[in-house]
Amino acid sequence: MTGEFRFTFGPWNIHEGADPFGPPVRKSRAFSEKLTIYKELGFDGVQFHDDDAVPEMNDLSPEQIIAQAGQMRETLDDHGLVAEFVAPRLWEDPRTIDGAYTSNDPECRHYALERSKRAIDIANALGTDLIVLWLAREGTYLREAKDSRVAVERLVEAINAMLEYDPQVRFAIEPKPNEPMDQAYIPTTGHAIALGFLTVAPERIGVNIESAHVVLAGLDPSDEMGFALAHGKLWSVHLNDQNGLKFDQDRSFGAVDLRRAFNQVRILDRYGYGRSGEWVGLDVKALRTQKDDVATRHLSNSRTVFLKLLEISRSLDDEKLEAMIGERDYEALDLYIVQSLLGE
């Protein structure tokens, strides 16, 4: 069963090019302008942080937040777009310096949970039932600062509270092994799925797998996707690329390791990804050297590469593949894949 692929990206993927070593190098684009760009580039959905949809939401009442999110829904409708998910932004507020759900301060944990409930309200107003949880600061810079068992229990407690707040919403945990924390408590797909099984509603807990995060863990993205697919838990993907075990680069999909990208496309397609409504999300950023007028090519390039790799994968001779695998002639298989990627 082949997949069905629709594409999303987040408004943060069109950005000004600032990095930890230098200021912005491109002009800011208004959110409304970014929405127009979605369709121009061939995308149909939008990934949201909660405050992408409702700016300055900490200063608003729950009723005001829902009203503003409803206005955003109307704007999406006007552009022919839909929301893929909403993610609570729990890593920038001063109250999340020491973590959000795992903070040692109970008042900070309370803030994180209340902010997450507002994100659920926003998701409902935008017409999506999916919340992505990137557990950005749920970890430590030094292990003695927190008790890892208590941290897991606090994560489960927070997720249970969110599950009980809304009986329909689903959660996709987005694992990452490090950055911004030195060590994260939920670093891989296996950790995320296992965490879900500790909650009161495991059937509503899945994963969002980001290619670069998997590479940072020293693993292969297609293998992690296969693991999640085997559990029926792959509810979203963030495709990009990564040049080694360094900071999270969000390079264009396939820009560093084309074969690694090919295998991600192939496993998604072979197991019908997208047929239950899942989206292909991109989380890619323009190179800092890119000029303003071409600072969206990383998005169109990534989509183009995905579709080309999909074409290559579907053109492979399955009987030939099975024969080489059956004969354990993996060198022949290796050359066949490489030649296919070279267009030979």
C-alpha atoms as a PDB file:
ATOM      1  CA  MET A   1       0.000   0.000   0.000  1.00  0.00           C
ATOM      2  CA  THR A   2       1.620   3.220  -1.152  1.00  0.00           C
ATOM      3  CA  GLY A   3       1.513   6.425   0.834  1.00  0.00           C
ATOM      4  CA  GLU A   4      -0.425   9.611   0.197  1.00  0.00           C
ATOM      5  CA  PHE A   5       1.626  12.722   0.756  1.00  0.00           C
ATOM      6  CA  ARG A   6       0.600  16.251   1.674  1.00  0.00           C
ATOM      7  CA  PHE A   7       3.135  18.753   2.963  1.00  0.00           C
ATOM      8  CA  THR A   8       3.393  21.234   5.824  1.00  0.00           C
ATOM      9  CA  PHE A   9       5.974  23.519   7.365  1.00  0.00           C
ATOM     10  CA  GLY A  10       6.025  25.982  10.230  1.00  0.00           C
ATOM     11  CA  PRO A  11       6.155  29.769   9.942  1.00  0.00           C
ATOM     12  CA  TRP A  12       9.487  29.629  11.825  1.00  0.00           C
ATOM     13  CA  ASN A  13      10.970  27.926   8.762  1.00  0.00           C
ATOM     14  CA  ILE A  14      10.922  31.292   6.968  1.00  0.00           C
ATOM     15  CA  HIS A  15      13.255  33.266   9.175  1.00  0.00           C
ATOM     16  CA  GLU A  16      15.775  36.068   9.350  1.00  0.00           C
ATOM     17  CA  GLY A  17      18.960  33.996   9.573  1.00  0.00           C
ATOM     18  CA  ALA A  18      20.124  34.918  13.063  1.00  0.00           C
ATOM     19  CA  ASP A  19      22.294  32.333  14.804  1.00  0.00           C
ATOM     20  CA  PRO A  20      24.120  32.172  18.165  1.00  0.00           C
ATOM     21  CA  PHE A  21      27.088  33.935  16.553  1.00  0.00           C
ATOM     22  CA  GLY A  22      25.426  36.709  14.597  1.00  0.00           C
ATOM     23  CA  PRO A  23      22.326  38.899  14.141  1.00  0.00           C
ATOM     24  CA  PRO A  24      19.576  38.589  11.515  1.00  0.00           C
ATOM     25  CA  VAL A  25      20.679  38.970   7.901  1.00  0.00           C
ATOM     26  CA  ARG A  26      17.280  38.998   6.189  1.00  0.00           C
ATOM     27  CA  LYS A  27      14.123  41.074   6.543  1.00  0.00           C
ATOM     28  CA  SER A  28      11.204  39.794   8.588  1.00  0.00           C
ATOM     29  CA  ARG A  29       8.124  38.637   6.722  1.00  0.00           C
ATOM     30  CA  ALA A  30       4.636  39.230   8.055  1.00  0.00           C
ATOM     31  CA  PHE A  31       2.687  36.128   9.051  1.00  0.00           C
ATOM     32  CA  SER A  32       0.056  36.901   6.410  1.00  0.00           C
ATOM     33  CA  GLU A  33       2.769  36.976   3.749  1.00  0.00           C
ATOM     34  CA  LYS A  34       4.049  33.606   4.913  1.00  0.00           C
ATOM     35  CA  LEU A  35       0.575  32.114   4.560  1.00  0.00           C
ATOM     36  CA  THR A  36       0.439  33.226   0.936  1.00  0.00           C
ATOM     37  CA  ILE A  37       3.796  31.561   0.320  1.00  0.00           C
ATOM     38  CA  TYR A  38       2.514  28.159   1.508  1.00  0.00           C
ATOM     39  CA  LYS A  39       0.323  27.568  -1.523  1.00  0.00           C
ATOM     40  CA  GLU A  40       2.842  29.071  -3.907  1.00  0.00           C
ATOM     41  CA  LEU A  41       5.380  26.468  -2.803  1.00  0.00           C
ATOM     42  CA  GLY A  42       2.947  23.533  -3.007  1.00  0.00           C
ATOM     43  CA  PHE A  43       2.126  23.176   0.702  1.00  0.00           C
ATOM     44  CA  ASP A  44      -1.378  22.673   2.086  1.00  0.00           C
ATOM     45  CA  GLY A  45      -0.922  22.699   5.862  1.00  0.00           C
ATOM     46  CA  VAL A  46       0.619  24.786   8.615  1.00  0.00           C
ATOM     47  CA  GLN A  47       2.514  23.654  11.703  1.00  0.00           C
ATOM     48  CA  PHE A  48       1.873  25.945  14.668  1.00  0.00           C
ATOM     49  CA  HIS A  49       3.443  26.768  17.958  1.00  0.00           C
ATOM     50  CA  ASP A  50       0.677  27.985  20.228  1.00  0.00           C
ATOM     51  CA  ASP A  51       1.917  31.581  20.102  1.00  0.00           C
ATOM     52  CA  ASP A  52       2.263  31.473  16.313  1.00  0.00           C
ATOM     53  CA  ALA A  53      -1.522  31.290  16.279  1.00  0.00           C
ATOM     54  CA  VAL A  54      -2.113  33.568  19.279  1.00  0.00           C
ATOM     55  CA  PRO A  55       0.783  35.992  19.899  1.00  0.00           C
ATOM     56  CA  GLU A  56       1.376  37.210  23.471  1.00  0.00           C
ATOM     57  CA  MET A  57      -1.001  34.557  24.738  1.00  0.00           C
ATOM     58  CA  ASN A  58       0.368  34.742  28.292  1.00  0.00           C
ATOM     59  CA  ASP A  59      -1.293  38.152  28.575  1.00  0.00           C
ATOM     60  CA  LEU A  60      -4.720  36.901  27.466  1.00  0.00           C
ATOM     61  CA  SER A  61      -7.585  35.119  29.171  1.00  0.00           C
ATOM     62  CA  PRO A  62      -8.588  31.618  28.007  1.00  0.00           C
ATOM     63  CA  GLU A  63     -11.639  33.141  26.316  1.00  0.00           C
ATOM     64  CA  GLN A  64      -9.530  35.713  24.461  1.00  0.00           C
ATOM     65  CA  ILE A  65      -7.101  32.993  23.375  1.00  0.00           C
ATOM     66  CA  ILE A  66      -9.909  30.888  21.904  1.00  0.00           C
ATOM     67  CA  ALA A  67     -11.390  33.926  20.139  1.00  0.00           C
ATOM     68  CA  GLN A  68      -8.070  34.862  18.536  1.00  0.00           C
ATOM     69  CA  ALA A  69      -7.444  31.266  17.505  1.00  0.00           C
ATOM     70  CA  GLY A  70     -10.875  31.268  15.858  1.00  0.00           C
ATOM     71  CA  GLN A  71      -9.848  34.306  13.840  1.00  0.00           C
ATOM     72  CA  MET A  72      -6.693  32.477  12.759  1.00  0.00           C
ATOM     73  CA  ARG A  73      -8.862  29.555  11.631  1.00  0.00           C
ATOM     74  CA  GLU A  74     -10.805  31.930   9.402  1.00  0.00           C
ATOM     75  CA  THR A  75      -7.551  33.256   7.956  1.00  0.00           C
ATOM     76  CA  LEU A  76      -6.393  29.709   7.190  1.00  0.00           C
ATOM     77  CA  ASP A  77      -9.696  28.976   5.492  1.00  0.00           C
ATOM     78  CA  ASP A  78      -9.302  32.100   3.354  1.00  0.00           C
ATOM     79  CA  HIS A  79      -5.887  30.824   2.183  1.00  0.00           C
ATOM     80  CA  GLY A  80      -7.065  27.265   1.572  1.00  0.00           C
ATOM     81  CA  LEU A  81      -4.851  25.957   4.373  1.00  0.00           C
ATOM     82  CA  VAL A  82      -5.372  23.769   7.425  1.00  0.00           C
ATOM     83  CA  ALA A  83      -3.497  23.372  10.702  1.00  0.00           C
ATOM     84  CA  GLU A  84      -1.524  20.144  11.090  1.00  0.00           C
ATOM     85  CA  PHE A  85      -0.781  20.485  14.803  1.00  0.00           C
ATOM     86  CA  VAL A  86      -0.192  22.893  17.651  1.00  0.00           C
ATOM     87  CA  ALA A  87       2.900  22.670  19.888  1.00  0.00           C
ATOM     88  CA  PRO A  88       3.064  24.479  23.248  1.00  0.00           C
ATOM     89  CA  ARG A  89       6.187  26.639  23.331  1.00  0.00           C
ATOM     90  CA  LEU A  90       7.638  25.659  26.696  1.00  0.00           C
ATOM     91  CA  TRP A  91      11.307  26.548  26.339  1.00  0.00           C
ATOM     92  CA  GLU A  92      11.485  30.353  26.150  1.00  0.00           C
ATOM     93  CA  ASP A  93       9.576  31.606  29.197  1.00  0.00           C
ATOM     94  CA  PRO A  94      11.683  32.328  32.326  1.00  0.00           C
ATOM     95  CA  ARG A  95       9.463  29.856  34.181  1.00  0.00           C
ATOM     96  CA  THR A  96      10.817  27.019  32.042  1.00  0.00           C
ATOM     97  CA  ILE A  97      14.527  27.632  32.586  1.00  0.00           C
ATOM     98  CA  ASP A  98      14.801  24.423  34.619  1.00  0.00           C
ATOM     99  CA  GLY A  99      12.353  22.441  32.511  1.00  0.00           C
ATOM    100  CA  ALA A 100       8.606  22.656  32.088  1.00  0.00           C
ATOM    101  CA  TYR A 101       6.796  19.500  33.213  1.00  0.00           C
ATOM    102  CA  THR A 102       9.939  18.292  35.030  1.00  0.00           C
ATOM    103  CA  SER A 103      10.928  21.553  36.690  1.00  0.00           C
ATOM    104  CA  ASN A 104      11.952  21.294  40.335  1.00  0.00           C
ATOM    105  CA  ASP A 105       9.657  24.261  41.052  1.00  0.00           C
ATOM    106  CA  PRO A 106       5.971  23.254  41.415  1.00  0.00           C
ATOM    107  CA  GLU A 107       4.798  26.728  40.356  1.00  0.00           C
ATOM    108  CA  CYS A 108       6.752  26.386  37.109  1.00  0.00           C
ATOM    109  CA  ARG A 109       5.265  22.942  36.506  1.00  0.00           C
ATOM    110  CA  HIS A 110       1.822  24.464  37.047  1.00  0.00           C
ATOM    111  CA  TYR A 111       2.570  27.190  34.486  1.00  0.00           C
ATOM    112  CA  ALA A 112       3.685  24.594  31.924  1.00  0.00           C
ATOM    113  CA  LEU A 113       0.515  22.552  32.347  1.00  0.00           C
ATOM    114  CA  GLU A 114      -1.775  25.571  32.121  1.00  0.00           C
ATOM    115  CA  ARG A 115       0.048  26.800  29.013  1.00  0.00           C
ATOM    116  CA  SER A 116      -0.367  23.331  27.495  1.00  0.00           C
ATOM    117  CA  LYS A 117      -4.103  23.378  28.171  1.00  0.00           C
ATOM    118  CA  ARG A 118      -4.329  26.681  26.332  1.00  0.00           C
ATOM    119  CA  ALA A 119      -2.464  25.065  23.415  1.00  0.00           C
ATOM    120  CA  ILE A 120      -5.152  22.365  23.366  1.00  0.00           C
ATOM    121  CA  ASP A 121      -7.825  25.094  23.266  1.00  0.00           C
ATOM    122  CA  ILE A 122      -6.010  26.662  20.311  1.00  0.00           C
ATOM    123  CA  ALA A 123      -5.791  23.329  18.505  1.00  0.00           C
ATOM    124  CA  ASN A 124      -9.530  22.812  18.898  1.00  0.00           C
ATOM    125  CA  ALA A 125     -10.220  26.297  17.551  1.00  0.00           C
ATOM    126  CA  LEU A 126      -7.903  25.677  14.579  1.00  0.00           C
ATOM    127  CA  GLY A 127      -9.574  22.367  13.755  1.00  0.00           C
ATOM    128  CA  THR A 128      -6.778  19.922  14.597  1.00  0.00           C
ATOM    129  CA  ASP A 129      -6.735  17.220  17.266  1.00  0.00           C
ATOM    130  CA  LEU A 130      -2.935  16.825  17.298  1.00  0.00           C
ATOM    131  CA  ILE A 131      -0.586  18.355  19.862  1.00  0.00           C
ATOM    132  CA  VAL A 132       3.149  17.950  19.325  1.00  0.00           C
ATOM    133  CA  LEU A 133       5.237  17.855  22.489  1.00  0.00           C
ATOM    134  CA  TRP A 134       8.876  18.749  21.957  1.00  0.00           C
ATOM    135  CA  LEU A 135      10.220  18.210  25.471  1.00  0.00           C
ATOM    136  CA  ALA A 136      12.935  20.779  24.931  1.00  0.00           C
ATOM    137  CA  ARG A 137      14.134  21.460  28.469  1.00  0.00           C
ATOM    138  CA  GLU A 138      13.023  18.198  30.059  1.00  0.00           C
ATOM    139  CA  GLY A 139      16.525  17.119  30.968  1.00  0.00           C
ATOM    140  CA  THR A 140      19.602  18.272  32.832  1.00  0.00           C
ATOM    141  CA  TYR A 141      22.938  19.994  32.471  1.00  0.00           C
ATOM    142  CA  LEU A 142      24.163  17.891  35.388  1.00  0.00           C
ATOM    143  CA  ARG A 143      22.503  14.679  36.478  1.00  0.00           C
ATOM    144  CA  GLU A 144      22.494  15.389  40.197  1.00  0.00           C
ATOM    145  CA  ALA A 145      20.117  18.329  39.638  1.00  0.00           C
ATOM    146  CA  LYS A 146      17.111  16.060  39.064  1.00  0.00           C
ATOM    147  CA  ASP A 147      15.961  12.536  39.802  1.00  0.00           C
ATOM    148  CA  SER A 148      15.389  10.790  36.457  1.00  0.00           C
ATOM    149  CA  ARG A 149      12.678   8.487  37.801  1.00  0.00           C
ATOM    150  CA  VAL A 150      10.811  11.414  39.340  1.00  0.00           C
ATOM    151  CA  ALA A 151      11.189  13.281  36.037  1.00  0.00           C
ATOM    152  CA  VAL A 152       9.498  10.475  34.125  1.00  0.00           C
ATOM    153  CA  GLU A 153       6.716  10.349  36.706  1.00  0.00           C
ATOM    154  CA  ARG A 154       6.213  14.106  36.340  1.00  0.00           C
ATOM    155  CA  LEU A 155       6.044  13.792  32.555  1.00  0.00           C
ATOM    156  CA  VAL A 156       3.394  11.096  32.875  1.00  0.00           C
ATOM    157  CA  GLU A 157       1.467  13.174  35.399  1.00  0.00           C
ATOM    158  CA  ALA A 158       1.435  16.177  33.052  1.00  0.00           C
ATOM    159  CA  ILE A 159       0.435  14.160  29.997  1.00  0.00           C
ATOM    160  CA  ASN A 160      -2.325  12.439  31.967  1.00  0.00           C
ATOM    161  CA  ALA A 161      -3.685  15.812  33.009  1.00  0.00           C
ATOM    162  CA  MET A 162      -3.757  16.912  29.363  1.00  0.00           C
ATOM    163  CA  LEU A 163      -5.391  13.667  28.253  1.00  0.00           C
ATOM    164  CA  GLU A 164      -8.091  14.176  30.871  1.00  0.00           C
ATOM    165  CA  TYR A 165      -8.526  17.847  29.962  1.00  0.00           C
ATOM    166  CA  ASP A 166      -9.645  16.889  26.451  1.00  0.00           C
ATOM    167  CA  PRO A 167     -10.835  13.323  25.719  1.00  0.00           C
ATOM    168  CA  GLN A 168     -10.322  13.714  21.961  1.00  0.00           C
ATOM    169  CA  VAL A 169      -6.907  15.309  21.609  1.00  0.00           C
ATOM    170  CA  ARG A 170      -3.874  13.228  20.566  1.00  0.00           C
ATOM    171  CA  PHE A 171      -0.242  13.851  21.462  1.00  0.00           C
ATOM    172  CA  ALA A 172       2.813  13.248  19.288  1.00  0.00           C
ATOM    173  CA  ILE A 173       6.003  13.342  21.348  1.00  0.00           C
ATOM    174  CA  GLU A 174       9.004  14.673  19.424  1.00  0.00           C
ATOM    175  CA  PRO A 175      12.178  13.094  20.845  1.00  0.00           C
ATOM    176  CA  LYS A 176      15.592  14.717  20.796  1.00  0.00           C
ATOM    177  CA  PRO A 177      18.717  13.543  22.669  1.00  0.00           C
ATOM    178  CA  ASN A 178      20.250  16.925  23.473  1.00  0.00           C
ATOM    179  CA  GLU A 179      20.121  20.662  22.797  1.00  0.00           C
ATOM    180  CA  PRO A 180      19.138  22.794  24.520  1.00  0.00           C
ATOM    181  CA  MET A 181      19.792  20.435  27.448  1.00  0.00           C
ATOM    182  CA  ASP A 182      22.975  18.389  27.632  1.00  0.00           C
ATOM    183  CA  GLN A 183      20.944  15.252  28.316  1.00  0.00           C
ATOM    184  CA  ALA A 184      17.246  14.815  27.511  1.00  0.00           C
ATOM    185  CA  TYR A 185      15.007  12.405  29.380  1.00  0.00           C
ATOM    186  CA  ILE A 186      13.124  11.242  26.263  1.00  0.00           C
ATOM    187  CA  PRO A 187      15.907  11.073  23.640  1.00  0.00           C
ATOM    188  CA  THR A 188      14.571   8.512  21.131  1.00  0.00           C
ATOM    189  CA  THR A 189      11.430   7.120  19.534  1.00  0.00           C
ATOM    190  CA  GLY A 190      11.521   4.096  21.809  1.00  0.00           C
ATOM    191  CA  HIS A 191      11.597   6.295  24.907  1.00  0.00           C
ATOM    192  CA  ALA A 192       8.645   8.328  23.615  1.00  0.00           C
ATOM    193  CA  ILE A 193       6.501   5.286  22.834  1.00  0.00           C
ATOM    194  CA  ALA A 194       7.362   3.690  26.163  1.00  0.00           C
ATOM    195  CA  LEU A 195       6.403   6.900  27.958  1.00  0.00           C
ATOM    196  CA  GLY A 196       3.026   6.767  26.244  1.00  0.00           C
ATOM    197  CA  PHE A 197       2.351   3.296  27.600  1.00  0.00           C
ATOM    198  CA  LEU A 198       2.654   4.685  31.143  1.00  0.00           C
ATOM    199  CA  THR A 199      -0.214   7.127  30.604  1.00  0.00           C
ATOM    200  CA  VAL A 200      -3.935   6.669  31.156  1.00  0.00           C
ATOM    201  CA  ALA A 201      -4.620   6.610  27.401  1.00  0.00           C
ATOM    202  CA  PRO A 202      -1.690   5.067  25.473  1.00  0.00           C
ATOM    203  CA  GLU A 203      -3.829   4.890  22.344  1.00  0.00           C
ATOM    204  CA  ARG A 204      -3.706   8.698  22.163  1.00  0.00           C
ATOM    205  CA  ILE A 205       0.079   8.978  22.411  1.00  0.00           C
ATOM    206  CA  GLY A 206       2.259   8.736  19.290  1.00  0.00           C
ATOM    207  CA  VAL A 207       5.435  10.308  17.972  1.00  0.00           C
ATOM    208  CA  ASN A 208       6.669  13.007  15.648  1.00  0.00           C
ATOM    209  CA  ILE A 209      10.056  11.923  14.280  1.00  0.00           C
ATOM    210  CA  GLU A 210      12.525  14.562  13.134  1.00  0.00           C
ATOM    211  CA  SER A 211      15.341  13.364  10.888  1.00  0.00           C
ATOM    212  CA  ALA A 212      18.044  15.562  12.439  1.00  0.00           C
ATOM    213  CA  HIS A 213      17.103  14.641  15.992  1.00  0.00           C
ATOM    214  CA  VAL A 214      17.544  10.967  15.146  1.00  0.00           C
ATOM    215  CA  VAL A 215      20.954  11.611  13.594  1.00  0.00           C
ATOM    216  CA  LEU A 216      21.982  13.513  16.732  1.00  0.00           C
ATOM    217  CA  ALA A 217      21.159  10.348  18.687  1.00  0.00           C
ATOM    218  CA  GLY A 218      23.496   8.363  16.426  1.00  0.00           C
ATOM    219  CA  LEU A 219      20.602   6.445  14.854  1.00  0.00           C
ATOM    220  CA  ASP A 220      19.037   6.142  11.414  1.00  0.00           C
ATOM    221  CA  PRO A 221      15.800   8.064  10.766  1.00  0.00           C
ATOM    222  CA  SER A 222      14.228   5.368   8.571  1.00  0.00           C
ATOM    223  CA  ASP A 223      14.824   2.756  11.285  1.00  0.00           C
ATOM    224  CA  GLU A 224      13.148   4.947  13.893  1.00  0.00           C
ATOM    225  CA  MET A 225      10.246   5.502  11.506  1.00  0.00           C
ATOM    226  CA  GLY A 226       9.947   1.773  10.959  1.00  0.00           C
ATOM    227  CA  PHE A 227       9.879   1.182  14.718  1.00  0.00           C
ATOM    228  CA  ALA A 228       7.091   3.732  15.142  1.00  0.00           C
ATOM    229  CA  LEU A 229       5.166   2.361  12.155  1.00  0.00           C
ATOM    230  CA  ALA A 230       5.328  -1.137  13.656  1.00  0.00           C
ATOM    231  CA  HIS A 231       3.622   0.249  16.759  1.00  0.00           C
ATOM    232  CA  GLY A 232       1.079   2.313  14.782  1.00  0.00           C
ATOM    233  CA  LYS A 233       2.525   5.433  16.401  1.00  0.00           C
ATOM    234  CA  LEU A 234       4.017   7.505  13.569  1.00  0.00           C
ATOM    235  CA  TRP A 235       1.627  10.430  13.532  1.00  0.00           C
ATOM    236  CA  SER A 236       3.873  13.120  12.069  1.00  0.00           C
ATOM    237  CA  VAL A 237       7.365  13.597  10.666  1.00  0.00           C
ATOM    238  CA  HIS A 238       9.767  16.508  10.502  1.00  0.00           C
ATOM    239  CA  LEU A 239      11.995  15.835   7.532  1.00  0.00           C
ATOM    240  CA  ASN A 240      15.317  17.619   7.191  1.00  0.00           C
ATOM    241  CA  ASP A 241      19.005  16.702   7.134  1.00  0.00           C
ATOM    242  CA  GLN A 242      21.977  16.905   9.420  1.00  0.00           C
ATOM    243  CA  ASN A 243      25.697  17.235   8.787  1.00  0.00           C
ATOM    244  CA  GLY A 244      27.136  15.132  11.585  1.00  0.00           C
ATOM    245  CA  LEU A 245      26.780  14.982  15.356  1.00  0.00           C
ATOM    246  CA  LYS A 246      26.701  18.675  16.105  1.00  0.00           C
ATOM    247  CA  PHE A 247      23.980  21.246  16.735  1.00  0.00           C
ATOM    248  CA  ASP A 248      20.547  20.777  15.161  1.00  0.00           C
ATOM    249  CA  GLN A 249      21.063  22.185  11.671  1.00  0.00           C
ATOM    250  CA  ASP A 250      17.653  21.721   9.969  1.00  0.00           C
ATOM    251  CA  ARG A 251      19.317  21.401   6.582  1.00  0.00           C
ATOM    252  CA  SER A 252      17.164  20.905   3.489  1.00  0.00           C
ATOM    253  CA  PHE A 253      15.886  17.361   3.134  1.00  0.00           C
ATOM    254  CA  GLY A 254      18.421  15.203   1.279  1.00  0.00           C
ATOM    255  CA  ALA A 255      21.040  17.962   1.146  1.00  0.00           C
ATOM    256  CA  VAL A 256      23.624  16.034   3.190  1.00  0.00           C
ATOM    257  CA  ASP A 257      22.859  12.325   2.801  1.00  0.00           C
ATOM    258  CA  LEU A 258      20.681  11.544  -0.187  1.00  0.00           C
ATOM    259  CA  ARG A 259      20.576   7.821   0.497  1.00  0.00           C
ATOM    260  CA  ARG A 260      19.482   8.400   4.080  1.00  0.00           C
ATOM    261  CA  ALA A 261      16.710  10.621   2.741  1.00  0.00           C
ATOM    262  CA  PHE A 262      15.775   7.976   0.166  1.00  0.00           C
ATOM    263  CA  ASN A 263      15.259   5.355   2.850  1.00  0.00           C
ATOM    264  CA  GLN A 264      12.993   7.670   4.830  1.00  0.00           C
ATOM    265  CA  VAL A 265      10.823   8.269   1.781  1.00  0.00           C
ATOM    266  CA  ARG A 266      10.810   4.582   0.931  1.00  0.00           C
ATOM    267  CA  ILE A 267       9.649   3.315   4.305  1.00  0.00           C
ATOM    268  CA  LEU A 268       6.940   5.971   4.558  1.00  0.00           C
ATOM    269  CA  ASP A 269       5.648   5.012   1.135  1.00  0.00           C
ATOM    270  CA  ARG A 270       5.845   1.238   1.617  1.00  0.00           C
ATOM    271  CA  TYR A 271       3.672   1.349   4.717  1.00  0.00           C
ATOM    272  CA  GLY A 272       0.983   3.728   3.530  1.00  0.00           C
ATOM    273  CA  TYR A 273       1.983   6.796   5.498  1.00  0.00           C
ATOM    274  CA  GLY A 274      -0.540   9.565   4.964  1.00  0.00           C
ATOM    275  CA  ARG A 275      -3.525   7.306   4.298  1.00  0.00           C
ATOM    276  CA  SER A 276      -4.842   7.938   7.801  1.00  0.00           C
ATOM    277  CA  GLY A 277      -4.442  11.691   7.491  1.00  0.00           C
ATOM    278  CA  GLU A 278      -0.779  12.063   8.471  1.00  0.00           C
ATOM    279  CA  TRP A 279       1.218  14.893   6.910  1.00  0.00           C
ATOM    280  CA  VAL A 280       4.782  15.172   5.669  1.00  0.00           C
ATOM    281  CA  GLY A 281       6.132  18.019   7.735  1.00  0.00           C
ATOM    282  CA  LEU A 282       9.347  19.806   6.882  1.00  0.00           C
ATOM    283  CA  ASP A 283      11.449  21.507   9.537  1.00  0.00           C
ATOM    284  CA  VAL A 284      14.155  23.131   7.451  1.00  0.00           C
ATOM    285  CA  LYS A 285      15.873  26.484   7.570  1.00  0.00           C
ATOM    286  CA  ALA A 286      17.485  28.578   4.880  1.00  0.00           C
ATOM    287  CA  LEU A 287      21.256  28.850   4.969  1.00  0.00           C
ATOM    288  CA  ARG A 288      22.350  32.073   6.600  1.00  0.00           C
ATOM    289  CA  THR A 289      24.038  33.043   3.342  1.00  0.00           C
ATOM    290  CA  GLN A 290      20.761  32.975   1.415  1.00  0.00           C
ATOM    291  CA  LYS A 291      19.485  36.324   0.085  1.00  0.00           C
ATOM    292  CA  ASP A 292      15.985  37.611   0.827  1.00  0.00           C
ATOM    293  CA  ASP A 293      14.476  36.967  -2.582  1.00  0.00           C
ATOM    294  CA  VAL A 294      15.474  33.282  -2.583  1.00  0.00           C
ATOM    295  CA  ALA A 295      15.083  32.519   1.122  1.00  0.00           C
ATOM    296  CA  THR A 296      12.262  30.001   0.601  1.00  0.00           C
ATOM    297  CA  ARG A 297      14.104  27.671  -1.763  1.00  0.00           C
ATOM    298  CA  HIS A 298      15.018  25.355   1.122  1.00  0.00           C
ATOM    299  CA  LEU A 299      11.312  24.566   1.410  1.00  0.00           C
ATOM    300  CA  SER A 300      10.567  24.026  -2.268  1.00  0.00           C
ATOM    301  CA  ASN A 301      13.868  22.144  -2.680  1.00  0.00           C
ATOM    302  CA  SER A 302      13.002  19.762   0.160  1.00  0.00           C
ATOM    303  CA  ARG A 303       9.576  19.006  -1.281  1.00  0.00           C
ATOM    304  CA  THR A 304      11.066  18.510  -4.753  1.00  0.00           C
ATOM    305  CA  VAL A 305      13.703  16.100  -3.406  1.00  0.00           C
ATOM    306  CA  PHE A 306      11.065  14.116  -1.498  1.00  0.00           C
ATOM    307  CA  LEU A 307       8.915  13.696  -4.600  1.00  0.00           C
ATOM    308  CA  LYS A 308      11.898  12.759  -6.779  1.00  0.00           C
ATOM    309  CA  LEU A 309      13.046  10.132  -4.276  1.00  0.00           C
ATOM    310  CA  LEU A 310       9.485   8.840  -4.135  1.00  0.00           C
ATOM    311  CA  GLU A 311       9.551   8.465  -7.923  1.00  0.00           C
ATOM    312  CA  ILE A 312      12.857   6.586  -7.753  1.00  0.00           C
ATOM    313  CA  SER A 313      11.634   4.286  -4.996  1.00  0.00           C
ATOM    314  CA  ARG A 314       8.468   3.396  -6.881  1.00  0.00           C
ATOM    315  CA  SER A 315      10.447   2.722 -10.066  1.00  0.00           C
ATOM    316  CA  LEU A 316      12.615   0.013  -8.493  1.00  0.00           C
ATOM    317  CA  ASP A 317      12.141  -3.529  -9.792  1.00  0.00           C
ATOM    318  CA  ASP A 318      10.692  -5.419  -6.817  1.00  0.00           C
ATOM    319  CA  GLU A 319      11.440  -8.834  -8.340  1.00  0.00           C
ATOM    320  CA  LYS A 320      15.065  -7.867  -8.839  1.00  0.00           C
ATOM    321  CA  LEU A 321      15.274  -6.573  -5.283  1.00  0.00           C
ATOM    322  CA  GLU A 322      13.767  -9.756  -3.863  1.00  0.00           C
ATOM    323  CA  ALA A 323      16.127 -11.927  -5.908  1.00  0.00           C
ATOM    324  CA  MET A 324      19.225 -10.068  -4.699  1.00  0.00           C
ATOM    325  CA  ILE A 325      18.004 -10.183  -1.100  1.00  0.00           C
ATOM    326  CA  GLY A 326      17.093 -13.863  -1.402  1.00  0.00           C
ATOM    327  CA  GLU A 327      20.552 -14.680  -2.769  1.00  0.00           C
ATOM    328  CA  ARG A 328      22.154 -12.489  -0.083  1.00  0.00           C
ATOM    329  CA  ASP A 329      23.917 -10.572  -2.843  1.00  0.00           C
ATOM    330  CA  TYR A 330      23.996  -7.314  -0.968  1.00  0.00           C
ATOM    331  CA  GLU A 331      26.819  -5.848  -3.062  1.00  0.00           C
ATOM    332  CA  ALA A 332      24.572  -6.118  -6.114  1.00  0.00           C
ATOM    333  CA  LEU A 333      21.759  -4.572  -4.097  1.00  0.00           C
ATOM    334  CA  ASP A 334      24.055  -1.757  -2.997  1.00  0.00           C
ATOM    335  CA  LEU A 335      25.042  -0.925  -6.578  1.00  0.00           C
ATOM    336  CA  TYR A 336      21.447  -1.142  -7.783  1.00  0.00           C
ATOM    337  CA  ILE A 337      20.323   1.428  -5.219  1.00  0.00           C
ATOM    338  CA  VAL A 338      23.272   3.742  -5.908  1.00  0.00           C
ATOM    339  CA  GLN A 339      22.764   3.560  -9.669  1.00  0.00           C
ATOM    340  CA  SER A 340      19.072   4.271  -9.215  1.00  0.00           C
ATOM    341  CA  LEU A 341      19.897   7.352  -7.175  1.00  0.00           C
ATOM    342  CA  LEU A 342      22.353   8.417  -9.880  1.00  0.00           C
ATOM    343  CA  GLY A 343      19.613   8.060 -12.487  1.00  0.00           C
ATOM    344  CA  GLU A 344      21.327   5.194 -14.317  1.00  0.00           C
END
